[in-house]
Amino acid sequence: MSKKTLSALTGKINILETHGTLEREISGFCVDSRVWQPGEMYIAQPGTHIDGHGYITELVDRGCPAVLHSKRLDTYDSGVTYLRVKDTRKALSPLADAYFGHPSGRLSVIGITGTDGKSSTVSFTHQLLEALGLASGFTSTVEYKTEDTIKKNPYRMSTPEAFEIHKLLAQMAENGKHYAVIESTSHGLSYRYSRLADVEYHTAVLTNITHEHLEFHGTIERYADDKANLFRQLKAKEGLPPAAIMRAEEPFADVFTSAYPGPWLTYSLTDPGADAFAYDIQETGSGLTFTLSHGGNEYKCGAPLAGSFNVANVLAAFLAVISSTGIPAARVTKAISSLKGVKGRMETIICGQKFKAIVDYAHSPGSFEKILPVIKSAANGRLIILFGSAGERDTAKRQLQGRVADAYADIIVLSDEDPRGEVPMDILNEIALGCTAKKAGSSLFLIPDREAGIRHALSLAKDTDTVLFLGKGHESTILYKDGPIPWDESAAVRKALRDMGYTGDTTR
């Protein structure tokens, strides 16, 4: 990695105190002392459990050339440059942007935010761009692409630190990508973290706002306003005006139109007056078909996707593509037929069993309200649902999750999602408070061990039933007090089915 002098990188940050020369060169940034590499500047961040300032001396002894910190230090090594700022998290974003030469300015960046549907909308937008012959990269909770192949997202965070974001954008630009589709989370957009604060967006999409991450944002109004930062960062690109897109029915629309007063595009499955309106939606064993109304024209569309709610994500991607490229709608609608689903998103597991087994990432009350009516209406028999709730996160949503599941499920199995430092059974008991229509031992089961929970849920299924596994989707670990354990939800379901004697192996 190339080296840059601190003097070339610090023009946009307010330095309160300097010890050492600004002409010192660095080869990158590090926020985790455990993975520091020689030449990198250490960014000392105060955390929930650990304060990064406590590792400064250790890294200086190992040869760290520069330190960014917010607390006053007792000693300063003469061979190291120390920069004190008010907030190291906020300072990292402009530093990273400068280090990589403002990569978002070399791309047409499409940001996707919202509570539910972000990863699918990112994927659909990227797929449409590629189907139209437009070189595109993307980052999402599930995957990312900066070159020619799609890779699994190695970060536990949907939006990684600012340094990683700008590095990925730089790789896209260097590899000839013209478009970048970025899943933009509320944590990343919040000015408390400022991971995305220096990304230049041209197009922004809001999928929806429902109850999520209030342990961080405090209120749903603050949560919505933090997401609205995406729209505050919009800029024109290559002769095309900025584009702002959301559902016609969004209850928090005023928050977003206040943040961005320019023209808005809307999409809907219920409002014919929206800029993109889908109707006559049909779901079959081979996928979805619907009619898309846009600009006075009607287009017959189809895609091999599951879940009629995915049509809304397709509409959002459709508007994002025509807005960011200027390509006529007729060409874009033809590309819809090539769309493919995302791993862990309405993924059907088929191993020869007669009942349905579906894996999905839905983990908020809002996402439950979106998918459960659809699954329930399509079910021929009973609906069995397995899910949990994250530890050390928004506790208020747990009973809400239980309440929504209780309204649609015939049987509920509660199992670990990511307990972290909490007692797993305590979390499940909180969810169970919302399951008032279920009886423990017959229609409600609390089984913390997720593998055991999956086996139990499948053992209850009859031929006409549907078993739905929610909350983990694509994720590769379950987080416990002592750290993460490897996890693959789809593989766990397949293994359980094989152990039950089913020998097929087809997944879609």
Protein backbone atom coordinates (compact mmCIF):
# COMPACT_ATOMS: atom_id res chain seq x y z
CA MET A 1 0.00 0.00 0.00
CA SER A 2 1.35 3.44 -0.89
CA LYS A 3 2.55 5.79 1.81
CA LYS A 4 1.17 9.29 2.38
CA THR A 5 2.39 12.09 4.63
CA LEU A 6 0.12 13.26 7.41
CA SER A 7 0.35 16.82 6.09
CA ALA A 8 -1.31 15.66 2.87
CA LEU A 9 -4.17 13.99 4.73
CA THR A 10 -5.11 16.31 7.57
CA GLY A 11 -6.42 19.35 5.69
CA LYS A 12 -10.06 18.68 6.59
CA ILE A 13 -9.69 17.73 10.25
CA ASN A 14 -9.49 20.08 13.23
CA ILE A 15 -6.33 19.17 15.12
CA LEU A 16 -6.39 20.34 18.73
CA GLU A 17 -2.82 19.38 19.59
CA THR A 18 0.20 18.05 17.66
CA HIS A 19 3.34 16.32 18.92
CA GLY A 20 5.83 15.38 16.22
CA THR A 21 6.09 16.15 12.52
CA LEU A 22 3.21 16.16 10.04
CA GLU A 23 5.67 15.10 7.34
CA ARG A 24 5.74 11.60 8.75
CA GLU A 25 4.52 8.94 6.30
CA ILE A 26 1.90 6.31 7.04
CA SER A 27 0.72 3.30 5.03
CA GLY A 28 -2.84 3.12 6.32
CA PHE A 29 -4.99 3.21 9.43
CA CYS A 30 -5.85 0.76 12.18
CA VAL A 31 -8.64 0.92 14.78
CA ASP A 32 -8.00 -2.51 16.32
CA SER A 33 -4.65 -2.91 18.05
CA ARG A 34 -4.79 -6.70 17.54
CA VAL A 35 -4.48 -6.38 13.76
CA TRP A 36 -2.11 -3.40 13.53
CA GLN A 37 0.49 -3.64 10.76
CA PRO A 38 3.84 -1.77 10.59
CA GLY A 39 3.45 1.67 9.01
CA GLU A 40 -0.19 2.14 9.97
CA MET A 41 -1.49 5.05 12.02
CA TYR A 42 -3.36 3.92 15.12
CA ILE A 43 -6.81 5.44 15.68
CA ALA A 44 -7.61 5.29 19.40
CA GLN A 45 -11.38 5.01 19.78
CA PRO A 46 -13.34 4.83 23.04
CA GLY A 47 -15.60 1.76 22.83
CA THR A 48 -18.54 0.31 24.73
CA HIS A 49 -16.38 -2.17 26.65
CA ILE A 50 -12.76 -1.23 25.80
CA ASP A 51 -11.05 2.14 25.33
CA GLY A 52 -8.54 2.08 22.49
CA HIS A 53 -6.41 4.71 24.23
CA GLY A 54 -5.20 1.98 26.56
CA TYR A 55 -3.25 0.34 23.71
CA ILE A 56 -1.31 3.38 22.51
CA THR A 57 1.85 2.65 24.53
CA GLU A 58 1.92 -0.97 23.38
CA LEU A 59 1.70 -0.01 19.70
CA VAL A 60 4.28 2.76 20.03
CA ASP A 61 6.67 0.20 21.53
CA ARG A 62 6.00 -2.01 18.49
CA GLY A 63 6.95 0.83 16.11
CA CYS A 64 3.67 2.60 15.34
CA PRO A 65 4.59 5.83 13.48
CA ALA A 66 1.54 7.95 14.31
CA VAL A 67 -1.43 8.05 16.71
CA LEU A 68 -4.77 9.81 16.45
CA HIS A 69 -6.32 10.28 19.90
CA SER A 70 -8.92 12.37 21.71
CA LYS A 71 -7.69 12.13 25.30
CA ARG A 72 -4.63 13.95 26.60
CA LEU A 73 -1.65 11.63 27.08
CA ASP A 74 0.93 11.59 29.86
CA THR A 75 3.95 10.94 27.62
CA TYR A 76 4.88 11.41 23.97
CA ASP A 77 7.57 9.45 22.15
CA SER A 78 9.88 11.67 20.09
CA GLY A 79 9.83 9.29 17.12
CA VAL A 80 6.04 9.27 16.83
CA THR A 81 3.52 11.85 15.60
CA TYR A 82 0.52 12.34 17.90
CA LEU A 83 -2.57 14.19 16.74
CA ARG A 84 -5.29 15.02 19.26
CA VAL A 85 -8.78 15.71 17.93
CA LYS A 86 -12.17 16.07 19.56
CA ASP A 87 -13.58 12.85 18.09
CA THR A 88 -11.35 10.22 16.48
CA ARG A 89 -14.29 8.41 14.84
CA LYS A 90 -15.33 11.55 12.97
CA ALA A 91 -11.75 12.41 12.02
CA LEU A 92 -11.08 9.00 10.46
CA SER A 93 -13.59 9.54 7.65
CA PRO A 94 -11.92 12.60 6.02
CA LEU A 95 -8.49 11.07 6.65
CA ALA A 96 -9.47 7.89 4.81
CA ASP A 97 -11.13 9.82 2.00
CA ALA A 98 -7.96 11.88 1.49
CA TYR A 99 -5.67 8.83 1.75
CA PHE A 100 -7.46 7.10 -1.14
CA GLY A 101 -7.82 10.24 -3.24
CA HIS A 102 -11.58 10.83 -2.80
CA PRO A 103 -12.62 7.60 -4.54
CA SER A 104 -16.38 8.23 -4.40
CA GLY A 105 -15.80 11.28 -6.58
CA ARG A 106 -14.49 8.94 -9.30
CA LEU A 107 -17.64 6.81 -9.21
CA SER A 108 -21.37 7.23 -9.50
CA VAL A 109 -22.41 6.06 -6.04
CA ILE A 110 -25.86 4.67 -5.26
CA GLY A 111 -26.67 4.41 -1.56
CA ILE A 112 -29.36 2.07 -0.21
CA THR A 113 -30.67 2.58 3.32
CA GLY A 114 -33.69 1.47 5.35
CA THR A 115 -34.61 -1.08 7.99
CA ASP A 116 -35.47 -3.99 5.70
CA GLY A 117 -34.58 -4.99 2.15
CA LYS A 118 -31.25 -3.17 1.89
CA SER A 119 -29.06 -6.10 0.85
CA SER A 120 -31.59 -7.39 -1.67
CA THR A 121 -32.05 -3.93 -3.19
CA VAL A 122 -28.26 -3.48 -3.39
CA SER A 123 -27.96 -6.82 -5.16
CA PHE A 124 -30.83 -6.14 -7.57
CA THR A 125 -29.44 -2.69 -8.44
CA HIS A 126 -25.99 -4.13 -9.10
CA GLN A 127 -27.40 -6.99 -11.16
CA LEU A 128 -29.45 -4.61 -13.32
CA LEU A 129 -26.41 -2.40 -13.96
CA GLU A 130 -24.33 -5.40 -14.96
CA ALA A 131 -27.12 -6.80 -17.17
CA LEU A 132 -27.14 -3.45 -18.97
CA GLY A 133 -23.39 -3.71 -19.61
CA LEU A 134 -22.40 -1.12 -16.99
CA ALA A 135 -19.37 -1.95 -14.83
CA SER A 136 -20.50 -1.94 -11.24
CA GLY A 137 -19.14 -2.76 -7.80
CA PHE A 138 -21.08 -3.07 -4.57
CA THR A 139 -20.93 -3.68 -0.83
CA SER A 140 -23.68 -5.20 1.30
CA THR A 141 -24.20 -7.07 4.53
CA VAL A 142 -23.90 -10.31 2.59
CA GLU A 143 -21.29 -9.78 -0.13
CA TYR A 144 -19.10 -7.27 -1.94
CA LYS A 145 -17.51 -6.89 -5.34
CA THR A 146 -14.62 -4.64 -6.30
CA GLU A 147 -13.15 -6.68 -9.17
CA ASP A 148 -14.73 -9.38 -11.34
CA THR A 149 -15.89 -11.83 -8.68
CA ILE A 150 -18.35 -11.52 -5.80
CA LYS A 151 -16.88 -12.28 -2.37
CA LYS A 152 -18.44 -12.95 1.00
CA ASN A 153 -18.47 -9.90 3.27
CA PRO A 154 -15.71 -10.57 5.85
CA TYR A 155 -16.88 -7.81 8.19
CA ARG A 156 -19.36 -8.43 11.01
CA MET A 157 -20.58 -4.85 10.47
CA SER A 158 -22.80 -4.13 7.47
CA THR A 159 -20.96 -0.81 7.12
CA PRO A 160 -17.27 -1.28 8.03
CA GLU A 161 -15.00 1.49 9.29
CA ALA A 162 -14.43 4.51 7.06
CA PHE A 163 -10.96 3.32 6.08
CA GLU A 164 -12.37 0.04 4.71
CA ILE A 165 -15.22 1.80 2.91
CA HIS A 166 -12.93 4.17 1.05
CA LYS A 167 -10.48 1.35 0.31
CA LEU A 168 -13.29 -0.68 -1.30
CA LEU A 169 -14.44 2.35 -3.31
CA ALA A 170 -10.86 2.97 -4.45
CA GLN A 171 -10.53 -0.65 -5.56
CA MET A 172 -13.74 -0.34 -7.58
CA ALA A 173 -12.47 2.79 -9.33
CA GLU A 174 -9.05 1.26 -10.00
CA ASN A 175 -10.72 -1.85 -11.47
CA GLY A 176 -12.70 0.15 -14.00
CA LYS A 177 -16.05 0.25 -12.22
CA HIS A 178 -18.20 3.23 -13.08
CA TYR A 179 -20.95 2.59 -10.52
CA ALA A 180 -20.81 1.65 -6.84
CA VAL A 181 -23.87 0.43 -4.95
CA ILE A 182 -23.38 0.82 -1.20
CA GLU A 183 -25.54 -0.59 1.58
CA SER A 184 -25.65 2.41 3.90
CA THR A 185 -26.70 1.58 7.45
CA SER A 186 -27.92 3.88 10.19
CA HIS A 187 -24.73 3.26 12.20
CA GLY A 188 -22.60 4.13 9.19
CA LEU A 189 -24.64 7.25 8.41
CA SER A 190 -24.88 8.47 12.00
CA TYR A 191 -22.53 11.37 12.67
CA ARG A 192 -21.58 9.62 15.93
CA TYR A 193 -19.62 7.12 13.83
CA SER A 194 -19.34 9.04 10.53
CA ARG A 195 -18.20 5.99 8.58
CA LEU A 196 -19.95 7.27 5.45
CA ALA A 197 -19.74 11.01 6.09
CA ASP A 198 -17.27 11.66 3.25
CA VAL A 199 -18.86 9.42 0.62
CA GLU A 200 -20.23 11.41 -2.31
CA TYR A 201 -23.59 9.91 -3.33
CA HIS A 202 -25.47 10.58 -6.54
CA THR A 203 -28.54 8.38 -5.95
CA ALA A 204 -30.15 7.47 -2.63
CA VAL A 205 -32.87 4.91 -1.88
CA LEU A 206 -34.90 4.48 1.31
CA THR A 207 -36.58 1.07 1.60
CA ASN A 208 -38.54 1.70 4.81
CA ILE A 209 -38.33 2.75 8.45
CA THR A 210 -39.45 0.40 11.21
CA HIS A 211 -38.41 -0.38 14.79
CA GLU A 212 -34.68 -1.24 14.89
CA HIS A 213 -31.38 -0.30 16.60
CA LEU A 214 -32.99 1.96 19.20
CA GLU A 215 -30.32 0.87 21.70
CA PHE A 216 -27.97 3.03 19.61
CA HIS A 217 -30.20 5.80 18.26
CA GLY A 218 -32.45 6.22 21.29
CA THR A 219 -35.68 7.01 19.43
CA ILE A 220 -37.14 5.97 16.09
CA GLU A 221 -37.18 9.66 15.11
CA ARG A 222 -33.40 9.88 15.69
CA TYR A 223 -32.97 6.62 13.81
CA ALA A 224 -34.84 8.03 10.80
CA ASP A 225 -32.93 11.30 10.92
CA ASP A 226 -29.58 9.49 10.99
CA LYS A 227 -30.63 7.55 7.88
CA ALA A 228 -31.63 10.86 6.28
CA ASN A 229 -27.93 11.87 6.31
CA LEU A 230 -27.63 9.77 3.15
CA PHE A 231 -29.90 12.21 1.33
CA ARG A 232 -28.08 15.23 2.79
CA GLN A 233 -24.94 14.01 0.99
CA LEU A 234 -26.45 13.84 -2.51
CA LYS A 235 -24.64 15.57 -5.39
CA ALA A 236 -25.17 15.82 -9.14
CA LYS A 237 -23.02 13.58 -11.32
CA GLU A 238 -22.02 13.80 -14.98
CA GLY A 239 -24.92 16.02 -15.96
CA LEU A 240 -27.51 13.99 -14.07
CA PRO A 241 -29.24 15.63 -11.09
CA PRO A 242 -29.22 13.87 -7.71
CA ALA A 243 -31.93 11.25 -7.28
CA ALA A 244 -33.87 10.58 -4.07
CA ILE A 245 -36.16 7.54 -3.94
CA MET A 246 -38.54 6.07 -1.33
CA ARG A 247 -41.81 4.18 -0.89
CA ALA A 248 -44.92 6.25 -1.51
CA GLU A 249 -46.37 5.02 1.82
CA GLU A 250 -43.35 5.85 4.02
CA PRO A 251 -44.70 7.16 7.37
CA PHE A 252 -41.44 9.03 8.09
CA ALA A 253 -41.40 10.76 4.69
CA ASP A 254 -41.34 14.22 6.27
CA VAL A 255 -37.99 13.51 7.94
CA PHE A 256 -36.45 12.71 4.56
CA THR A 257 -38.07 15.45 2.49
CA SER A 258 -36.86 17.94 5.11
CA ALA A 259 -33.34 16.56 4.78
CA TYR A 260 -33.45 16.70 0.98
CA PRO A 261 -35.96 19.23 -0.43
CA GLY A 262 -35.26 18.36 -4.06
CA PRO A 263 -37.50 16.23 -6.31
CA TRP A 264 -38.36 12.73 -5.07
CA LEU A 265 -39.26 9.54 -6.89
CA THR A 266 -41.61 7.05 -5.26
CA TYR A 267 -42.46 3.40 -5.72
CA SER A 268 -45.41 1.38 -4.46
CA LEU A 269 -47.34 -1.86 -4.57
CA THR A 270 -50.57 -0.07 -3.58
CA ASP A 271 -50.46 3.52 -4.90
CA PRO A 272 -51.03 3.87 -8.68
CA GLY A 273 -49.81 7.47 -8.44
CA ALA A 274 -46.27 6.43 -7.55
CA ASP A 275 -43.51 6.91 -10.15
CA ALA A 276 -43.06 3.12 -10.24
CA PHE A 277 -46.16 1.08 -9.42
CA ALA A 278 -46.45 -2.71 -9.53
CA TYR A 279 -49.73 -4.58 -9.73
CA ASP A 280 -51.12 -7.95 -10.78
CA ILE A 281 -48.37 -9.58 -8.72
CA GLN A 282 -48.32 -13.35 -9.04
CA GLU A 283 -46.05 -15.80 -7.23
CA THR A 284 -45.51 -19.28 -8.65
CA GLY A 285 -43.05 -22.08 -8.09
CA SER A 286 -40.75 -20.51 -10.70
CA GLY A 287 -40.79 -16.97 -9.33
CA LEU A 288 -42.67 -13.68 -9.54
CA THR A 289 -44.56 -11.93 -12.33
CA PHE A 290 -46.05 -8.44 -12.21
CA THR A 291 -46.95 -5.41 -14.28
CA LEU A 292 -44.80 -2.31 -13.79
CA SER A 293 -46.37 1.07 -14.49
CA HIS A 294 -43.94 3.94 -15.12
CA GLY A 295 -44.19 7.18 -17.08
CA GLY A 296 -47.52 6.26 -18.62
CA ASN A 297 -46.23 2.92 -19.91
CA GLU A 298 -46.97 -0.63 -18.74
CA TYR A 299 -44.30 -3.33 -18.70
CA LYS A 300 -44.84 -7.06 -18.10
CA CYS A 301 -42.05 -8.26 -15.81
CA GLY A 302 -40.94 -11.52 -14.26
CA ALA A 303 -38.03 -12.75 -12.18
CA PRO A 304 -37.07 -16.05 -10.50
CA LEU A 305 -37.47 -14.58 -7.00
CA ALA A 306 -39.43 -15.73 -3.96
CA GLY A 307 -41.70 -13.50 -1.82
CA SER A 308 -44.07 -10.98 -3.37
CA PHE A 309 -42.61 -8.28 -1.09
CA ASN A 310 -39.42 -8.57 -3.19
CA VAL A 311 -41.28 -6.71 -5.94
CA ALA A 312 -40.89 -3.52 -3.88
CA ASN A 313 -37.10 -4.07 -3.77
CA VAL A 314 -37.10 -4.58 -7.55
CA LEU A 315 -39.02 -1.31 -8.04
CA ALA A 316 -36.51 0.56 -5.86
CA ALA A 317 -33.62 -0.90 -7.87
CA PHE A 318 -35.38 -0.05 -11.14
CA LEU A 319 -35.74 3.62 -10.17
CA ALA A 320 -32.16 3.76 -8.89
CA VAL A 321 -30.81 2.47 -12.20
CA ILE A 322 -32.81 4.72 -14.52
CA SER A 323 -31.98 7.72 -12.29
CA SER A 324 -28.25 7.09 -12.09
CA THR A 325 -27.74 6.08 -15.74
CA GLY A 326 -30.38 7.87 -17.80
CA ILE A 327 -31.13 4.58 -19.60
CA PRO A 328 -34.75 4.30 -20.82
CA ALA A 329 -37.13 2.35 -18.60
CA ALA A 330 -37.98 -0.12 -21.37
CA ARG A 331 -34.39 -1.39 -21.47
CA VAL A 332 -34.16 -1.67 -17.69
CA THR A 333 -37.42 -3.60 -17.35
CA LYS A 334 -36.14 -6.21 -19.81
CA ALA A 335 -33.16 -6.81 -17.53
CA ILE A 336 -35.42 -7.62 -14.55
CA SER A 337 -35.89 -11.18 -15.81
CA SER A 338 -32.19 -11.89 -15.13
CA LEU A 339 -32.36 -11.09 -11.40
CA LYS A 340 -31.35 -13.74 -8.88
CA GLY A 341 -32.03 -13.96 -5.16
CA VAL A 342 -29.53 -13.31 -2.38
CA LYS A 343 -28.14 -16.04 -0.09
CA GLY A 344 -30.09 -16.21 3.14
CA ARG A 345 -32.93 -14.11 1.73
CA MET A 346 -36.07 -16.21 1.14
CA GLU A 347 -33.78 -19.15 0.37
CA THR A 348 -35.75 -22.38 -0.08
CA ILE A 349 -33.97 -25.53 1.14
CA ILE A 350 -35.03 -28.68 -0.72
CA CYS A 351 -33.65 -32.05 0.33
CA GLY A 352 -36.47 -34.29 -0.83
CA GLN A 353 -38.89 -33.41 1.97
CA LYS A 354 -42.52 -32.60 1.11
CA PHE A 355 -42.85 -29.68 3.52
CA LYS A 356 -41.24 -26.30 2.77
CA ALA A 357 -38.09 -25.10 4.56
CA ILE A 358 -37.14 -21.44 4.06
CA VAL A 359 -34.18 -19.43 5.43
CA ASP A 360 -34.45 -15.64 5.66
CA TYR A 361 -32.60 -12.82 7.42
CA ALA A 362 -35.69 -11.00 8.74
CA HIS A 363 -34.96 -9.97 12.33
CA SER A 364 -37.02 -6.86 13.11
CA PRO A 365 -40.73 -6.50 13.91
CA GLY A 366 -41.17 -4.57 10.67
CA SER A 367 -39.57 -7.27 8.56
CA PHE A 368 -41.73 -9.87 10.31
CA GLU A 369 -44.82 -7.85 9.41
CA LYS A 370 -43.66 -7.74 5.81
CA ILE A 371 -42.88 -11.39 5.17
CA LEU A 372 -45.08 -13.37 7.55
CA PRO A 373 -48.43 -12.46 5.93
CA VAL A 374 -46.97 -13.46 2.56
CA ILE A 375 -45.64 -16.79 3.82
CA LYS A 376 -48.81 -17.51 5.77
CA SER A 377 -51.07 -16.85 2.79
CA ALA A 378 -49.00 -19.17 0.59
CA ALA A 379 -48.83 -21.96 3.17
CA ASN A 380 -51.01 -25.02 2.59
CA GLY A 381 -50.58 -26.31 6.13
CA ARG A 382 -49.21 -24.99 9.39
CA LEU A 383 -46.56 -22.29 9.67
CA ILE A 384 -43.68 -23.14 12.02
CA ILE A 385 -41.27 -20.30 12.76
CA LEU A 386 -37.86 -20.40 14.44
CA PHE A 387 -36.19 -17.12 15.45
CA GLY A 388 -34.44 -15.27 18.26
CA SER A 389 -33.25 -11.74 19.04
CA ALA A 390 -29.85 -10.14 19.40
CA GLY A 391 -28.27 -9.67 22.81
CA GLU A 392 -27.04 -6.23 23.93
CA ARG A 393 -29.20 -4.61 21.27
CA ASP A 394 -32.67 -3.08 21.03
CA THR A 395 -34.49 -4.94 23.81
CA ALA A 396 -37.84 -3.23 23.17
CA LYS A 397 -38.23 -5.07 19.87
CA ARG A 398 -38.16 -8.55 21.45
CA GLN A 399 -41.74 -8.61 22.68
CA LEU A 400 -42.84 -6.96 19.41
CA GLN A 401 -41.17 -9.76 17.46
CA GLY A 402 -43.01 -12.30 19.58
CA ARG A 403 -46.32 -10.50 19.08
CA VAL A 404 -46.03 -10.42 15.27
CA ALA A 405 -44.90 -14.05 15.06
CA ASP A 406 -47.72 -15.05 17.43
CA ALA A 407 -50.29 -13.58 15.01
CA TYR A 408 -49.16 -15.70 12.05
CA ALA A 409 -47.36 -18.81 13.30
CA ASP A 410 -49.02 -22.02 14.40
CA ILE A 411 -45.88 -23.11 16.21
CA ILE A 412 -42.96 -20.96 17.43
CA VAL A 413 -39.48 -22.19 18.32
CA LEU A 414 -37.26 -19.58 20.00
CA SER A 415 -33.49 -20.10 19.68
CA ASP A 416 -30.27 -18.12 19.99
CA GLU A 417 -29.54 -15.41 17.42
CA ASP A 418 -26.54 -13.52 18.86
CA PRO A 419 -26.83 -13.52 22.67
CA ARG A 420 -23.47 -11.79 23.15
CA GLY A 421 -23.05 -11.14 26.88
CA GLU A 422 -26.67 -11.72 27.86
CA VAL A 423 -28.09 -14.94 29.29
CA PRO A 424 -29.65 -16.66 26.24
CA MET A 425 -32.76 -17.92 28.05
CA ASP A 426 -33.47 -14.41 29.38
CA ILE A 427 -33.71 -13.13 25.80
CA LEU A 428 -36.03 -15.96 24.76
CA ASN A 429 -38.26 -15.37 27.77
CA GLU A 430 -38.61 -11.69 26.80
CA ILE A 431 -39.66 -12.66 23.27
CA ALA A 432 -42.10 -15.22 24.68
CA LEU A 433 -43.95 -12.45 26.53
CA GLY A 434 -45.36 -11.43 23.15
CA CYS A 435 -46.46 -14.98 22.26
CA THR A 436 -49.62 -14.86 24.34
CA ALA A 437 -51.64 -17.24 22.13
CA LYS A 438 -49.05 -20.01 22.32
CA LYS A 439 -48.71 -22.73 24.96
CA ALA A 440 -45.30 -23.79 26.19
CA GLY A 441 -44.51 -27.37 25.24
CA SER A 442 -47.11 -27.68 22.49
CA SER A 443 -47.03 -24.54 20.31
CA LEU A 444 -44.14 -22.63 21.93
CA PHE A 445 -40.65 -24.06 22.52
CA LEU A 446 -37.65 -22.25 24.02
CA ILE A 447 -34.48 -24.04 22.85
CA PRO A 448 -31.38 -21.79 23.11
CA ASP A 449 -29.08 -24.11 21.13
CA ARG A 450 -29.93 -23.09 17.58
CA GLU A 451 -28.92 -26.38 15.99
CA ALA A 452 -31.16 -28.26 18.41
CA GLY A 453 -33.92 -25.74 17.77
CA ILE A 454 -33.68 -26.30 14.02
CA ARG A 455 -33.89 -30.05 14.46
CA HIS A 456 -36.91 -29.72 16.72
CA ALA A 457 -38.72 -27.35 14.34
CA LEU A 458 -38.17 -29.72 11.41
CA SER A 459 -39.25 -32.73 13.47
CA LEU A 460 -42.63 -31.10 14.04
CA ALA A 461 -43.31 -30.52 10.33
CA LYS A 462 -45.94 -32.47 8.42
CA ASP A 463 -46.00 -32.80 4.63
CA THR A 464 -48.10 -29.67 3.98
CA ASP A 465 -46.35 -27.43 6.52
CA THR A 466 -43.91 -24.55 6.05
CA VAL A 467 -40.91 -24.17 8.38
CA LEU A 468 -39.40 -20.68 8.37
CA PHE A 469 -35.96 -19.92 9.90
CA LEU A 470 -35.48 -16.22 10.60
CA GLY A 471 -32.74 -13.91 11.86
CA LYS A 472 -29.44 -15.44 10.73
CA GLY A 473 -29.79 -15.67 6.94
CA HIS A 474 -26.32 -15.34 5.41
CA GLU A 475 -24.41 -14.73 8.66
CA SER A 476 -21.38 -16.92 9.31
CA THR A 477 -21.23 -16.76 13.14
CA ILE A 478 -23.36 -16.71 16.27
CA LEU A 479 -21.97 -14.33 18.89
CA TYR A 480 -21.77 -15.55 22.49
CA LYS A 481 -20.20 -14.11 25.64
CA ASP A 482 -16.94 -15.96 24.96
CA GLY A 483 -16.84 -14.98 21.29
CA PRO A 484 -18.25 -16.12 17.96
CA ILE A 485 -18.87 -19.69 16.86
CA PRO A 486 -19.03 -20.61 13.13
CA TRP A 487 -22.54 -20.80 11.71
CA ASP A 488 -24.25 -21.44 8.39
CA GLU A 489 -28.03 -21.48 8.71
CA SER A 490 -28.72 -23.03 5.31
CA ALA A 491 -26.13 -25.76 5.91
CA ALA A 492 -27.54 -26.45 9.38
CA VAL A 493 -31.05 -26.91 7.93
CA ARG A 494 -29.75 -29.18 5.15
CA LYS A 495 -27.76 -31.29 7.62
CA ALA A 496 -30.78 -31.69 9.88
CA LEU A 497 -32.92 -32.75 6.93
CA ARG A 498 -30.31 -35.29 5.82
CA ASP A 499 -30.11 -36.68 9.33
CA MET A 500 -33.88 -37.12 9.13
CA GLY A 501 -33.36 -39.30 6.06
CA TYR A 502 -33.95 -36.84 3.23
CA THR A 503 -31.35 -37.29 0.49
CA GLY A 504 -32.09 -34.57 -2.09
CA ASP A 505 -29.91 -31.46 -2.25
CA THR A 506 -31.44 -28.60 -4.17
CA THR A 507 -31.58 -25.02 -2.93
CA ARG A 508 -33.04 -21.97 -4.60
